Amino acid sequence: MRAPKQTWWHWVAWLLAFAISAYAFRLAFEYSLSAHDPLAHDVQRVIERHQVSYVGDLSSQTFHRKDCPLAAQIPRRFRVMFYSRRAALEMKFNPCHHCRP
């Protein structure tokens, strides 16, 4: 028994599905290789624009100067910005022992 004859639109559908999956794979691959993090870049612009002086860590309740090496290790989800030392102290954050803000 012979297989049913496939029409031209079957081939177009397969070609379109392949093209979409190849494009999605390429986008995922480029995203995984991208060296810059757009969110980190946006946070850096906010710091520069608003003169944020201190960065707090919600998990440890400590705050750091913005150039402290320990502040750079704070995960984004636990990071909070302070404009002054007084604001950080009012929120019951403790100063960092490394940078001594």
Protein backbone atom coordinates (compact mmCIF):
# COMPACT_ATOMS: atom_id res chain seq x y z
CA MET A 1 0.00 0.00 0.00
CA ARG A 2 1.31 3.43 -0.93
CA ALA A 3 1.63 6.36 1.47
CA PRO A 4 -0.77 9.22 0.80
CA LYS A 5 0.57 11.95 -1.44
CA GLN A 6 1.77 14.99 0.47
CA THR A 7 0.82 18.32 -0.95
CA TRP A 8 3.03 21.36 -1.23
CA TRP A 9 1.69 22.99 1.95
CA HIS A 10 2.99 20.11 4.08
CA TRP A 11 6.49 20.98 2.96
CA VAL A 12 5.89 24.68 3.60
CA ALA A 13 4.62 23.91 7.11
CA TRP A 14 7.69 21.79 7.88
CA LEU A 15 10.00 24.45 6.50
CA LEU A 16 8.29 27.16 8.53
CA ALA A 17 8.44 25.09 11.73
CA PHE A 18 12.14 24.45 11.16
CA ALA A 19 12.85 28.13 10.49
CA ILE A 20 11.02 29.24 13.65
CA SER A 21 12.77 26.67 15.83
CA ALA A 22 16.18 27.57 14.37
CA TYR A 23 15.52 31.27 15.02
CA ALA A 24 14.43 30.56 18.61
CA PHE A 25 17.53 28.45 19.19
CA ARG A 26 19.75 31.21 17.79
CA LEU A 27 18.15 33.82 20.08
CA ALA A 28 18.55 31.59 23.13
CA PHE A 29 22.18 30.88 22.23
CA GLU A 30 22.99 34.58 21.71
CA TYR A 31 21.31 35.47 25.02
CA SER A 32 23.33 32.86 26.87
CA LEU A 33 26.56 34.20 25.37
CA SER A 34 25.82 37.87 25.91
CA ALA A 35 28.45 39.38 28.15
CA HIS A 36 26.47 42.33 29.42
CA ASP A 37 23.46 42.16 31.67
CA PRO A 38 20.90 44.81 30.63
CA LEU A 39 19.39 44.99 34.12
CA ALA A 40 22.77 45.54 35.76
CA HIS A 41 23.48 48.27 33.22
CA ASP A 42 20.17 49.97 34.09
CA VAL A 43 20.93 49.78 37.81
CA GLN A 44 24.33 51.33 37.18
CA ARG A 45 22.71 54.22 35.28
CA VAL A 46 20.28 54.83 38.16
CA ILE A 47 23.17 54.91 40.61
CA GLU A 48 25.04 57.44 38.48
CA ARG A 49 21.99 59.59 37.77
CA HIS A 50 20.68 59.81 41.33
CA GLN A 51 24.04 59.79 43.12
CA VAL A 52 23.16 56.70 45.15
CA SER A 53 25.85 56.45 47.77
CA TYR A 54 24.97 53.24 49.59
CA VAL A 55 23.82 49.75 48.61
CA GLY A 56 22.00 47.56 51.12
CA ASP A 57 21.63 43.82 51.37
CA LEU A 58 18.14 42.73 52.45
CA SER A 59 19.28 39.24 53.45
CA SER A 60 22.03 40.34 55.88
CA GLN A 61 20.60 43.79 56.73
CA THR A 62 23.97 45.45 56.04
CA PHE A 63 24.73 48.46 53.85
CA HIS A 64 27.88 49.24 51.88
CA ARG A 65 29.42 52.08 49.94
CA LYS A 66 28.61 51.74 46.25
CA ASP A 67 32.28 50.96 45.43
CA CYS A 68 32.67 48.26 48.12
CA PRO A 69 33.69 44.86 46.67
CA LEU A 70 31.17 43.14 48.94
CA ALA A 71 28.36 45.30 47.52
CA ALA A 72 29.09 43.96 44.06
CA GLN A 73 28.38 40.42 45.29
CA ILE A 74 24.84 41.19 46.49
CA PRO A 75 22.24 39.37 44.35
CA ARG A 76 19.80 41.68 42.55
CA ARG A 77 16.78 40.38 44.43
CA PHE A 78 18.34 41.36 47.79
CA ARG A 79 19.80 44.72 46.67
CA VAL A 80 18.33 48.01 47.88
CA MET A 81 19.65 51.53 47.25
CA PHE A 82 20.06 54.28 49.84
CA TYR A 83 20.73 57.95 49.15
CA SER A 84 22.23 58.58 52.59
CA ARG A 85 23.76 56.81 55.54
CA ARG A 86 20.97 58.12 57.73
CA ALA A 87 18.31 56.49 55.55
CA ALA A 88 20.06 53.13 55.84
CA LEU A 89 20.37 53.42 59.60
CA GLU A 90 16.70 54.40 59.92
CA MET A 91 15.79 51.19 58.10
CA LYS A 92 17.78 49.25 60.75
CA PHE A 93 20.63 48.31 58.40
CA ASN A 94 24.08 47.78 59.92
CA PRO A 95 27.22 49.28 58.35
CA CYS A 96 29.62 46.99 56.53
CA HIS A 97 32.80 46.08 58.41
CA HIS A 98 34.85 46.15 55.21
CA CYS A 99 34.11 49.58 53.75
CA ARG A 100 32.90 51.27 56.99
CA PRO A 101 30.29 53.62 55.49
